[in-house]
């Protein structure tokens, strides 16, 4: 029996399926979802590194995305403390752009809410973020 594909139409849809892609609810992590021809390829999670290891970790993540032949990626930072994922998100973004891998969105999850780092429209991306969606799978 073939399972029908899941269509993700929004950041909320992505956040609802991340725990199912990984098999657990991430914390203090970065999730990188590689996109190949509008399909999810590699999904990887890594703990937030110490500041002095940000460049090393961003390089390691880039290698996997390139090996997966991704043309785009989505980044999600899961934070315990506000701003703690930003250094790694910025480093990964810079490396992906250097290799012509489009960054479709960069999302931060903190205290049960999420916000896009790249959206400034208050009607869809309120400054305080939006509640995390839940997804019930059969």
Protein backbone atom coordinates (compact mmCIF):
# COMPACT_ATOMS: atom_id res chain seq x y z
CA UNK A 1 0.00 0.00 0.00
CA UNK A 2 1.40 3.37 -1.02
CA UNK A 3 0.92 6.31 1.28
CA UNK A 4 -0.20 9.45 -0.53
CA UNK A 5 2.25 12.35 -0.46
CA UNK A 6 1.89 15.04 2.19
CA UNK A 7 1.54 18.53 0.75
CA UNK A 8 3.06 21.34 2.77
CA UNK A 9 1.53 24.70 1.98
CA UNK A 10 2.82 26.84 4.83
CA UNK A 11 5.46 27.04 7.55
CA UNK A 12 2.81 25.81 10.01
CA UNK A 13 2.38 22.67 7.89
CA UNK A 14 6.14 22.07 8.00
CA UNK A 15 6.27 22.55 11.77
CA UNK A 16 3.40 20.10 12.21
CA UNK A 17 5.27 17.33 10.35
CA UNK A 18 8.82 17.91 11.70
CA UNK A 19 8.29 15.64 14.75
CA UNK A 20 7.04 12.91 12.39
CA UNK A 21 10.03 13.32 10.05
CA UNK A 22 12.42 13.00 12.99
CA UNK A 23 10.48 10.64 15.23
CA UNK A 24 10.55 13.03 18.20
CA UNK A 25 9.92 16.64 19.23
CA UNK A 26 13.17 18.61 18.76
CA UNK A 27 14.61 20.92 21.42
CA UNK A 28 17.64 23.23 21.27
CA UNK A 29 18.30 22.07 17.74
CA UNK A 30 18.50 23.14 14.15
CA UNK A 31 16.47 21.24 11.59
CA UNK A 32 17.53 21.45 7.95
CA UNK A 33 15.09 20.13 5.38
CA UNK A 34 16.60 19.76 1.91
CA UNK A 35 14.28 20.28 -1.05
CA UNK A 36 14.77 18.55 -4.40
CA UNK A 37 12.33 19.48 -7.17
CA UNK A 38 9.72 20.58 -4.60
CA UNK A 39 10.01 17.33 -2.67
CA UNK A 40 11.53 16.79 0.74
CA UNK A 41 14.90 15.15 0.53
CA UNK A 42 17.26 14.92 3.46
CA UNK A 43 15.94 16.02 6.86
CA UNK A 44 18.64 16.47 9.46
CA UNK A 45 18.73 17.66 13.05
CA UNK A 46 21.70 18.76 15.07
CA UNK A 47 21.98 20.09 18.60
CA UNK A 48 22.81 23.77 18.85
CA UNK A 49 26.61 23.94 19.10
CA UNK A 50 28.78 26.07 21.33
CA UNK A 51 29.57 29.42 19.71
CA UNK A 52 33.13 28.42 18.78
CA UNK A 53 31.82 25.43 16.77
CA UNK A 54 29.18 27.26 14.68
CA UNK A 55 31.33 27.47 11.52
CA UNK A 56 32.42 23.83 11.79
CA UNK A 57 28.83 22.62 12.24
CA UNK A 58 27.46 24.82 9.43
CA UNK A 59 30.10 23.37 7.09
CA UNK A 60 29.15 19.80 8.05
CA UNK A 61 25.47 20.53 7.42
CA UNK A 62 26.27 22.07 4.03
CA UNK A 63 28.15 18.92 2.95
CA UNK A 64 25.04 16.80 3.56
CA UNK A 65 22.71 19.20 1.74
CA UNK A 66 25.05 19.33 -1.27
CA UNK A 67 25.44 15.54 -1.26
CA UNK A 68 21.63 15.29 -1.35
CA UNK A 69 21.63 17.43 -4.54
CA UNK A 70 19.22 19.90 -2.93
CA UNK A 71 18.29 23.05 -4.81
CA UNK A 72 16.64 24.64 -1.76
CA UNK A 73 16.40 24.22 1.99
CA UNK A 74 14.25 25.16 4.96
CA UNK A 75 15.85 25.95 8.33
CA UNK A 76 14.11 25.67 11.69
CA UNK A 77 15.77 26.65 14.96
CA UNK A 78 14.26 25.25 18.16
CA UNK A 79 15.30 27.44 21.07
CA UNK A 80 15.13 27.28 24.84
CA UNK A 81 16.60 30.79 25.14
CA UNK A 82 15.61 33.54 22.71
CA UNK A 83 18.18 34.04 19.95
CA UNK A 84 20.34 31.00 20.69
CA UNK A 85 19.77 29.43 17.25
CA UNK A 86 20.47 32.60 15.27
CA UNK A 87 24.29 32.26 14.92
CA UNK A 88 23.93 28.79 13.38
CA UNK A 89 20.96 29.79 11.22
CA UNK A 90 22.94 32.74 9.85
CA UNK A 91 26.06 30.63 9.23
CA UNK A 92 24.11 27.90 7.43
CA UNK A 93 22.24 30.51 5.37
CA UNK A 94 25.49 32.12 4.23
CA UNK A 95 27.04 28.77 3.26
CA UNK A 96 23.93 27.64 1.35
CA UNK A 97 23.75 30.90 -0.58
CA UNK A 98 27.46 30.60 -1.50
CA UNK A 99 26.63 27.23 -3.11
CA UNK A 100 23.48 28.57 -4.88
CA UNK A 101 21.09 26.61 -2.65
CA UNK A 102 17.99 28.75 -2.10
CA UNK A 103 16.83 29.22 1.47
CA UNK A 104 13.04 29.08 1.26
CA UNK A 105 12.39 30.05 4.86
CA UNK A 106 14.12 30.40 8.21
CA UNK A 107 11.91 29.74 11.20
CA UNK A 108 12.51 30.04 14.93
CA UNK A 109 10.47 28.10 17.50
CA UNK A 110 10.54 29.41 21.08
CA UNK A 111 8.16 28.92 24.03
CA UNK A 112 5.49 27.15 21.99
CA UNK A 113 5.40 29.81 19.27
CA UNK A 114 7.07 30.16 15.88
CA UNK A 115 8.01 33.03 13.62
CA UNK A 116 9.69 33.39 10.26
CA UNK A 117 12.91 35.38 10.25
CA UNK A 118 12.21 36.46 6.69
CA UNK A 119 8.56 37.58 6.87
CA UNK A 120 7.70 41.10 7.98
CA UNK A 121 3.96 41.06 7.20
CA UNK A 122 2.14 41.45 10.53
CA UNK A 123 -1.03 39.77 9.22
CA UNK A 124 0.71 36.43 8.60
CA UNK A 125 3.80 36.78 10.80
CA UNK A 126 2.89 38.64 14.00
CA UNK A 127 5.91 40.00 15.92
CA UNK A 128 5.18 37.70 18.89
CA UNK A 129 4.95 34.67 16.62
CA UNK A 130 2.14 32.19 16.09
CA UNK A 131 1.21 29.18 18.22
CA UNK A 132 2.83 25.91 17.17
CA UNK A 133 0.42 23.75 15.19
CA UNK A 134 -0.31 20.18 16.16
CA UNK A 135 -0.85 17.35 13.75
CA UNK A 136 -2.65 14.12 14.51
CA UNK A 137 -1.62 11.29 12.23
CA UNK A 138 -3.75 8.19 11.87
